[in-house]
Amino acid sequence: MPMPADQLEAELRAAFPDADIDIEDLAGDGDHYKARIASSAFAGLSRVRQHQLVYAALNGKVGGELHALALETTPKAG
């Protein structure tokens, strides 16, 4: 079953409460999203590590409920 965009955003907000988050449904099917996330949690981390934090926050849903997730992560300016 696909993951609604609001559920994806809620899960990301729970993990990154200070984040600016923008979710885009790429295919209109609730299965392929692009997420732009700016969070202070990413400060000083490599892009790979930032993405690992996002995948960890989604508890294995990427590849399951969430077929594809394109990520743009950046540290949030304080």
PDB file of N, CA and C in Angstrom:
ATOM      1  N   MET A   1       0.845  -1.183   0.000  1.00  0.00           N
ATOM      2  CA  MET A   1       0.000   0.000   0.000  1.00  0.00           C
ATOM      3  C   MET A   1       0.889   1.244   0.000  1.00  0.00           C
ATOM      4  N   PRO A   2       0.609   2.205  -0.878  1.00  0.00           N
ATOM      5  CA  PRO A   2       1.422   3.414  -0.943  1.00  0.00           C
ATOM      6  C   PRO A   2       1.353   4.235   0.350  1.00  0.00           C
ATOM      7  N   MET A   3       2.348   5.070   0.534  1.00  0.00           N
ATOM      8  CA  MET A   3       2.409   5.949   1.699  1.00  0.00           C
ATOM      9  C   MET A   3       1.935   7.344   1.285  1.00  0.00           C
ATOM     10  N   PRO A   4       0.900   7.871   1.927  1.00  0.00           N
ATOM     11  CA  PRO A   4       0.460   9.234   1.599  1.00  0.00           C
ATOM     12  C   PRO A   4       1.548  10.259   1.946  1.00  0.00           C
ATOM     13  N   ALA A   5       1.580  11.338   1.184  1.00  0.00           N
ATOM     14  CA  ALA A   5       2.589  12.376   1.394  1.00  0.00           C
ATOM     15  C   ALA A   5       2.522  12.945   2.800  1.00  0.00           C
ATOM     16  N   ASP A   6       1.318  13.094   3.356  1.00  0.00           N
ATOM     17  CA  ASP A   6       1.218  13.670   4.702  1.00  0.00           C
ATOM     18  C   ASP A   6       1.792  12.727   5.755  1.00  0.00           C
ATOM     19  N   GLN A   7       1.697  11.429   5.526  1.00  0.00           N
ATOM     20  CA  GLN A   7       2.302  10.467   6.454  1.00  0.00           C
ATOM     21  C   GLN A   7       3.830  10.531   6.355  1.00  0.00           C
ATOM     22  N   LEU A   8       4.333  10.623   5.136  1.00  0.00           N
ATOM     23  CA  LEU A   8       5.781  10.749   4.936  1.00  0.00           C
ATOM     24  C   LEU A   8       6.281  12.006   5.636  1.00  0.00           C
ATOM     25  N   GLU A   9       5.591  13.116   5.434  1.00  0.00           N
ATOM     26  CA  GLU A   9       6.008  14.364   6.074  1.00  0.00           C
ATOM     27  C   GLU A   9       5.942  14.258   7.590  1.00  0.00           C
ATOM     28  N   ALA A  10       4.900  13.627   8.119  1.00  0.00           N
ATOM     29  CA  ALA A  10       4.762  13.476   9.575  1.00  0.00           C
ATOM     30  C   ALA A  10       5.919  12.662  10.154  1.00  0.00           C
ATOM     31  N   GLU A  11       6.295  11.602   9.477  1.00  0.00           N
ATOM     32  CA  GLU A  11       7.406  10.776   9.962  1.00  0.00           C
ATOM     33  C   GLU A  11       8.723  11.542   9.925  1.00  0.00           C
ATOM     34  N   LEU A  12       8.926  12.328   8.870  1.00  0.00           N
ATOM     35  CA  LEU A  12      10.139  13.134   8.779  1.00  0.00           C
ATOM     36  C   LEU A  12      10.143  14.235   9.838  1.00  0.00           C
ATOM     37  N   ARG A  13       9.003  14.853  10.089  1.00  0.00           N
ATOM     38  CA  ARG A  13       8.911  15.904  11.119  1.00  0.00           C
ATOM     39  C   ARG A  13       9.159  15.338  12.519  1.00  0.00           C
ATOM     40  N   ALA A  14       8.713  14.109  12.755  1.00  0.00           N
ATOM     41  CA  ALA A  14       8.955  13.479  14.055  1.00  0.00           C
ATOM     42  C   ALA A  14      10.452  13.289  14.284  1.00  0.00           C
ATOM     43  N   ALA A  15      11.174  12.955  13.225  1.00  0.00           N
ATOM     44  CA  ALA A  15      12.612  12.710  13.330  1.00  0.00           C
ATOM     45  C   ALA A  15      13.422  14.000  13.306  1.00  0.00           C
ATOM     46  N   PHE A  16      12.924  14.996  12.578  1.00  0.00           N
ATOM     47  CA  PHE A  16      13.645  16.256  12.397  1.00  0.00           C
ATOM     48  C   PHE A  16      12.694  17.419  12.706  1.00  0.00           C
ATOM     49  N   PRO A  17      12.398  17.644  13.995  1.00  0.00           N
ATOM     50  CA  PRO A  17      11.365  18.622  14.379  1.00  0.00           C
ATOM     51  C   PRO A  17      11.632  20.056  13.917  1.00  0.00           C
ATOM     52  N   ASP A  18      12.904  20.416  13.745  1.00  0.00           N
ATOM     53  CA  ASP A  18      13.216  21.795  13.351  1.00  0.00           C
ATOM     54  C   ASP A  18      13.261  21.974  11.836  1.00  0.00           C
ATOM     55  N   ALA A  19      13.026  20.917  11.094  1.00  0.00           N
ATOM     56  CA  ALA A  19      13.284  20.915   9.654  1.00  0.00           C
ATOM     57  C   ALA A  19      12.277  21.726   8.848  1.00  0.00           C
ATOM     58  N   ASP A  20      12.780  22.271   7.759  1.00  0.00           N
ATOM     59  CA  ASP A  20      11.940  22.782   6.683  1.00  0.00           C
ATOM     60  C   ASP A  20      11.820  21.611   5.714  1.00  0.00           C
ATOM     61  N   ILE A  21      10.598  21.164   5.453  1.00  0.00           N
ATOM     62  CA  ILE A  21      10.388  19.965   4.641  1.00  0.00           C
ATOM     63  C   ILE A  21       9.430  20.278   3.503  1.00  0.00           C
ATOM     64  N   ASP A  22       9.805  19.854   2.303  1.00  0.00           N
ATOM     65  CA  ASP A  22       8.948  19.988   1.128  1.00  0.00           C
ATOM     66  C   ASP A  22       8.879  18.614   0.465  1.00  0.00           C
ATOM     67  N   ILE A  23       7.665  18.098   0.307  1.00  0.00           N
ATOM     68  CA  ILE A  23       7.454  16.787  -0.308  1.00  0.00           C
ATOM     69  C   ILE A  23       6.791  16.976  -1.665  1.00  0.00           C
ATOM     70  N   GLU A  24       7.323  16.304  -2.675  1.00  0.00           N
ATOM     71  CA  GLU A  24       6.746  16.357  -4.016  1.00  0.00           C
ATOM     72  C   GLU A  24       6.454  14.922  -4.468  1.00  0.00           C
ATOM     73  N   ASP A  25       5.214  14.678  -4.890  1.00  0.00           N
ATOM     74  CA  ASP A  25       4.831  13.366  -5.424  1.00  0.00           C
ATOM     75  C   ASP A  25       5.217  13.358  -6.897  1.00  0.00           C
ATOM     76  N   LEU A  26       6.261  12.633  -7.238  1.00  0.00           N
ATOM     77  CA  LEU A  26       6.835  12.689  -8.585  1.00  0.00           C
ATOM     78  C   LEU A  26       5.977  12.028  -9.648  1.00  0.00           C
ATOM     79  N   ALA A  27       5.237  10.982  -9.277  1.00  0.00           N
ATOM     80  CA  ALA A  27       4.485  10.231 -10.278  1.00  0.00           C
ATOM     81  C   ALA A  27       2.975  10.284 -10.055  1.00  0.00           C
ATOM     82  N   GLY A  28       2.543  10.935  -8.981  1.00  0.00           N
ATOM     83  CA  GLY A  28       1.118  11.017  -8.692  1.00  0.00           C
ATOM     84  C   GLY A  28       0.533   9.716  -8.177  1.00  0.00           C
ATOM     85  N   ASP A  29       1.410   8.799  -7.745  1.00  0.00           N
ATOM     86  CA  ASP A  29       0.926   7.476  -7.330  1.00  0.00           C
ATOM     87  C   ASP A  29       1.136   7.181  -5.849  1.00  0.00           C
ATOM     88  N   GLY A  30       1.657   8.166  -5.099  1.00  0.00           N
ATOM     89  CA  GLY A  30       1.904   7.948  -3.681  1.00  0.00           C
ATOM     90  C   GLY A  30       3.035   6.975  -3.421  1.00  0.00           C
ATOM     91  N   ASP A  31       3.851   6.732  -4.406  1.00  0.00           N
ATOM     92  CA  ASP A  31       4.906   5.730  -4.324  1.00  0.00           C
ATOM     93  C   ASP A  31       6.292   6.277  -4.659  1.00  0.00           C
ATOM     94  N   HIS A  32       6.330   7.417  -5.321  1.00  0.00           N
ATOM     95  CA  HIS A  32       7.589   8.003  -5.778  1.00  0.00           C
ATOM     96  C   HIS A  32       7.615   9.469  -5.353  1.00  0.00           C
ATOM     97  N   TYR A  33       8.462   9.783  -4.392  1.00  0.00           N
ATOM     98  CA  TYR A  33       8.509  11.136  -3.849  1.00  0.00           C
ATOM     99  C   TYR A  33       9.890  11.744  -3.967  1.00  0.00           C
ATOM    100  N   LYS A  34       9.887  13.063  -3.918  1.00  0.00           N
ATOM    101  CA  LYS A  34      11.117  13.818  -3.736  1.00  0.00           C
ATOM    102  C   LYS A  34      10.915  14.598  -2.445  1.00  0.00           C
ATOM    103  N   ALA A  35      11.887  14.520  -1.558  1.00  0.00           N
ATOM    104  CA  ALA A  35      11.822  15.253  -0.298  1.00  0.00           C
ATOM    105  C   ALA A  35      13.009  16.195  -0.207  1.00  0.00           C
ATOM    106  N   ARG A  36      12.704  17.452   0.085  1.00  0.00           N
ATOM    107  CA  ARG A  36      13.740  18.440   0.379  1.00  0.00           C
ATOM    108  C   ARG A  36      13.661  18.708   1.870  1.00  0.00           C
ATOM    109  N   ILE A  37      14.776  18.480   2.554  1.00  0.00           N
ATOM    110  CA  ILE A  37      14.792  18.604   4.005  1.00  0.00           C
ATOM    111  C   ILE A  37      15.989  19.452   4.413  1.00  0.00           C
ATOM    112  N   ALA A  38      15.709  20.525   5.136  1.00  0.00           N
ATOM    113  CA  ALA A  38      16.776  21.353   5.710  1.00  0.00           C
ATOM    114  C   ALA A  38      16.639  21.253   7.223  1.00  0.00           C
ATOM    115  N   SER A  39      17.668  20.704   7.876  1.00  0.00           N
ATOM    116  CA  SER A  39      17.602  20.495   9.319  1.00  0.00           C
ATOM    117  C   SER A  39      18.954  20.765   9.956  1.00  0.00           C
ATOM    118  N   SER A  40      18.920  21.301  11.172  1.00  0.00           N
ATOM    119  CA  SER A  40      20.171  21.507  11.903  1.00  0.00           C
ATOM    120  C   SER A  40      20.831  20.167  12.241  1.00  0.00           C
ATOM    121  N   ALA A  41      20.071  19.072  12.215  1.00  0.00           N
ATOM    122  CA  ALA A  41      20.623  17.740  12.476  1.00  0.00           C
ATOM    123  C   ALA A  41      21.676  17.350  11.437  1.00  0.00           C
ATOM    124  N   PHE A  42      21.650  18.006  10.273  1.00  0.00           N
ATOM    125  CA  PHE A  42      22.581  17.670   9.194  1.00  0.00           C
ATOM    126  C   PHE A  42      23.885  18.466   9.259  1.00  0.00           C
ATOM    127  N   ALA A  43      23.994  19.393  10.184  1.00  0.00           N
ATOM    128  CA  ALA A  43      25.178  20.252  10.263  1.00  0.00           C
ATOM    129  C   ALA A  43      26.444  19.420  10.448  1.00  0.00           C
ATOM    130  N   GLY A  44      27.422  19.684   9.598  1.00  0.00           N
ATOM    131  CA  GLY A  44      28.715  19.022   9.704  1.00  0.00           C
ATOM    132  C   GLY A  44      28.752  17.600   9.176  1.00  0.00           C
ATOM    133  N   LEU A  45      27.642  17.126   8.620  1.00  0.00           N
ATOM    134  CA  LEU A  45      27.593  15.746   8.120  1.00  0.00           C
ATOM    135  C   LEU A  45      27.723  15.711   6.602  1.00  0.00           C
ATOM    136  N   SER A  46      28.301  14.638   6.097  1.00  0.00           N
ATOM    137  CA  SER A  46      28.374  14.458   4.647  1.00  0.00           C
ATOM    138  C   SER A  46      26.964  14.218   4.110  1.00  0.00           C
ATOM    139  N   ARG A  47      26.785  14.421   2.833  1.00  0.00           N
ATOM    140  CA  ARG A  47      25.487  14.186   2.198  1.00  0.00           C
ATOM    141  C   ARG A  47      25.056  12.731   2.403  1.00  0.00           C
ATOM    142  N   VAL A  48      25.997  11.803   2.284  1.00  0.00           N
ATOM    143  CA  VAL A  48      25.677  10.383   2.488  1.00  0.00           C
ATOM    144  C   VAL A  48      25.146  10.153   3.903  1.00  0.00           C
ATOM    145  N   ARG A  49      25.808  10.726   4.889  1.00  0.00           N
ATOM    146  CA  ARG A  49      25.365  10.552   6.285  1.00  0.00           C
ATOM    147  C   ARG A  49      24.005  11.212   6.509  1.00  0.00           C
ATOM    148  N   GLN A  50      23.770  12.366   5.891  1.00  0.00           N
ATOM    149  CA  GLN A  50      22.468  13.020   5.990  1.00  0.00           C
ATOM    150  C   GLN A  50      21.369  12.092   5.466  1.00  0.00           C
ATOM    151  N   HIS A  51      21.616  11.489   4.314  1.00  0.00           N
ATOM    152  CA  HIS A  51      20.632  10.583   3.716  1.00  0.00           C
ATOM    153  C   HIS A  51      20.430   9.345   4.585  1.00  0.00           C
ATOM    154  N   GLN A  52      21.508   8.855   5.182  1.00  0.00           N
ATOM    155  CA  GLN A  52      21.383   7.701   6.079  1.00  0.00           C
ATOM    156  C   GLN A  52      20.469   8.023   7.253  1.00  0.00           C
ATOM    157  N   LEU A  53      20.569   9.234   7.785  1.00  0.00           N
ATOM    158  CA  LEU A  53      19.696   9.636   8.891  1.00  0.00           C
ATOM    159  C   LEU A  53      18.233   9.642   8.458  1.00  0.00           C
ATOM    160  N   VAL A  54      17.971  10.115   7.250  1.00  0.00           N
ATOM    161  CA  VAL A  54      16.594  10.146   6.741  1.00  0.00           C
ATOM    162  C   VAL A  54      16.074   8.720   6.568  1.00  0.00           C
ATOM    163  N   TYR A  55      16.858   7.847   5.951  1.00  0.00           N
ATOM    164  CA  TYR A  55      16.425   6.457   5.763  1.00  0.00           C
ATOM    165  C   TYR A  55      16.185   5.769   7.104  1.00  0.00           C
ATOM    166  N   ALA A  56      17.044   6.035   8.079  1.00  0.00           N
ATOM    167  CA  ALA A  56      16.872   5.445   9.406  1.00  0.00           C
ATOM    168  C   ALA A  56      15.577   5.940  10.046  1.00  0.00           C
ATOM    169  N   ALA A  57      15.262   7.210   9.847  1.00  0.00           N
ATOM    170  CA  ALA A  57      14.036   7.781  10.417  1.00  0.00           C
ATOM    171  C   ALA A  57      12.787   7.141   9.825  1.00  0.00           C
ATOM    172  N   LEU A  58      12.907   6.633   8.609  1.00  0.00           N
ATOM    173  CA  LEU A  58      11.754   6.014   7.944  1.00  0.00           C
ATOM    174  C   LEU A  58      11.648   4.515   8.221  1.00  0.00           C
ATOM    175  N   ASN A  59      12.499   4.008   9.094  1.00  0.00           N
ATOM    176  CA  ASN A  59      12.401   2.632   9.589  1.00  0.00           C
ATOM    177  C   ASN A  59      12.157   1.575   8.515  1.00  0.00           C
ATOM    178  N   GLY A  60      12.952   1.594   7.472  1.00  0.00           N
ATOM    179  CA  GLY A  60      12.863   0.539   6.467  1.00  0.00           C
ATOM    180  C   GLY A  60      11.688   0.652   5.514  1.00  0.00           C
ATOM    181  N   LYS A  61      10.979   1.770   5.520  1.00  0.00           N
ATOM    182  CA  LYS A  61       9.819   1.909   4.627  1.00  0.00           C
ATOM    183  C   LYS A  61      10.226   2.170   3.179  1.00  0.00           C
ATOM    184  N   VAL A  62      11.429   2.719   2.977  1.00  0.00           N
ATOM    185  CA  VAL A  62      11.900   2.947   1.614  1.00  0.00           C
ATOM    186  C   VAL A  62      12.186   1.587   0.992  1.00  0.00           C
ATOM    187  N   GLY A  63      11.598   1.353  -0.164  1.00  0.00           N
ATOM    188  CA  GLY A  63      11.708   0.053  -0.814  1.00  0.00           C
ATOM    189  C   GLY A  63      10.524  -0.836  -0.477  1.00  0.00           C
ATOM    190  N   GLY A  64       9.725  -0.439   0.497  1.00  0.00           N
ATOM    191  CA  GLY A  64       8.516  -1.175   0.872  1.00  0.00           C
ATOM    192  C   GLY A  64       7.303  -0.318   0.556  1.00  0.00           C
ATOM    193  N   GLU A  65       6.704   0.270   1.615  1.00  0.00           N
ATOM    194  CA  GLU A  65       5.557   1.166   1.428  1.00  0.00           C
ATOM    195  C   GLU A  65       5.904   2.330   0.512  1.00  0.00           C
ATOM    196  N   LEU A  66       7.142   2.734   0.602  1.00  0.00           N
ATOM    197  CA  LEU A  66       7.627   3.874  -0.168  1.00  0.00           C
ATOM    198  C   LEU A  66       8.597   3.333  -1.207  1.00  0.00           C
ATOM    199  N   HIS A  67       8.146   3.261  -2.457  1.00  0.00           N
ATOM    200  CA  HIS A  67       8.945   2.620  -3.488  1.00  0.00           C
ATOM    201  C   HIS A  67      10.233   3.389  -3.777  1.00  0.00           C
ATOM    202  N   ALA A  68      10.110   4.716  -3.924  1.00  0.00           N
ATOM    203  CA  ALA A  68      11.286   5.510  -4.282  1.00  0.00           C
ATOM    204  C   ALA A  68      11.237   6.861  -3.589  1.00  0.00           C
ATOM    205  N   LEU A  69      12.398   7.297  -3.097  1.00  0.00           N
ATOM    206  CA  LEU A  69      12.497   8.584  -2.435  1.00  0.00           C
ATOM    207  C   LEU A  69      13.780   9.276  -2.896  1.00  0.00           C
ATOM    208  N   ALA A  70      13.615  10.355  -3.651  1.00  0.00           N
ATOM    209  CA  ALA A  70      14.752  11.187  -4.033  1.00  0.00           C
ATOM    210  C   ALA A  70      14.937  12.210  -2.922  1.00  0.00           C
ATOM    211  N   LEU A  71      16.163  12.381  -2.478  1.00  0.00           N
ATOM    212  CA  LEU A  71      16.430  13.277  -1.351  1.00  0.00           C
ATOM    213  C   LEU A  71      17.308  14.452  -1.731  1.00  0.00           C
ATOM    214  N   GLU A  72      16.948  15.618  -1.200  1.00  0.00           N
ATOM    215  CA  GLU A  72      17.824  16.788  -1.201  1.00  0.00           C
ATOM    216  C   GLU A  72      17.893  17.210   0.246  1.00  0.00           C
ATOM    217  N   THR A  73      19.063  17.049   0.862  1.00  0.00           N
ATOM    218  CA  THR A  73      19.216  17.421   2.263  1.00  0.00           C
ATOM    219  C   THR A  73      20.261  18.516   2.390  1.00  0.00           C
ATOM    220  N   THR A  74      20.005  19.432   3.308  1.00  0.00           N
ATOM    221  CA  THR A  74      20.955  20.505   3.574  1.00  0.00           C
ATOM    222  C   THR A  74      20.875  20.867   5.055  1.00  0.00           C
ATOM    223  N   PRO A  75      21.991  21.298   5.626  1.00  0.00           N
ATOM    224  CA  PRO A  75      21.934  21.799   6.990  1.00  0.00           C
ATOM    225  C   PRO A  75      21.096  23.077   7.008  1.00  0.00           C
ATOM    226  N   LYS A  76      20.331  23.239   8.057  1.00  0.00           N
ATOM    227  CA  LYS A  76      19.501  24.433   8.205  1.00  0.00           C
ATOM    228  C   LYS A  76      20.338  25.532   8.832  1.00  0.00           C
ATOM    229  N   ALA A  77      20.307  26.694   8.206  1.00  0.00           N
ATOM    230  CA  ALA A  77      21.043  27.828   8.739  1.00  0.00           C
ATOM    231  C   ALA A  77      20.425  28.247  10.062  1.00  0.00           C
ATOM    232  N   GLY A  78      21.257  28.474  11.039  1.00  0.00           N
ATOM    233  CA  GLY A  78      20.756  28.809  12.358  1.00  0.00           C
ATOM    234  C   GLY A  78      20.587  30.267  12.502  1.00  0.00           C
TER     235      GLY A  78
END
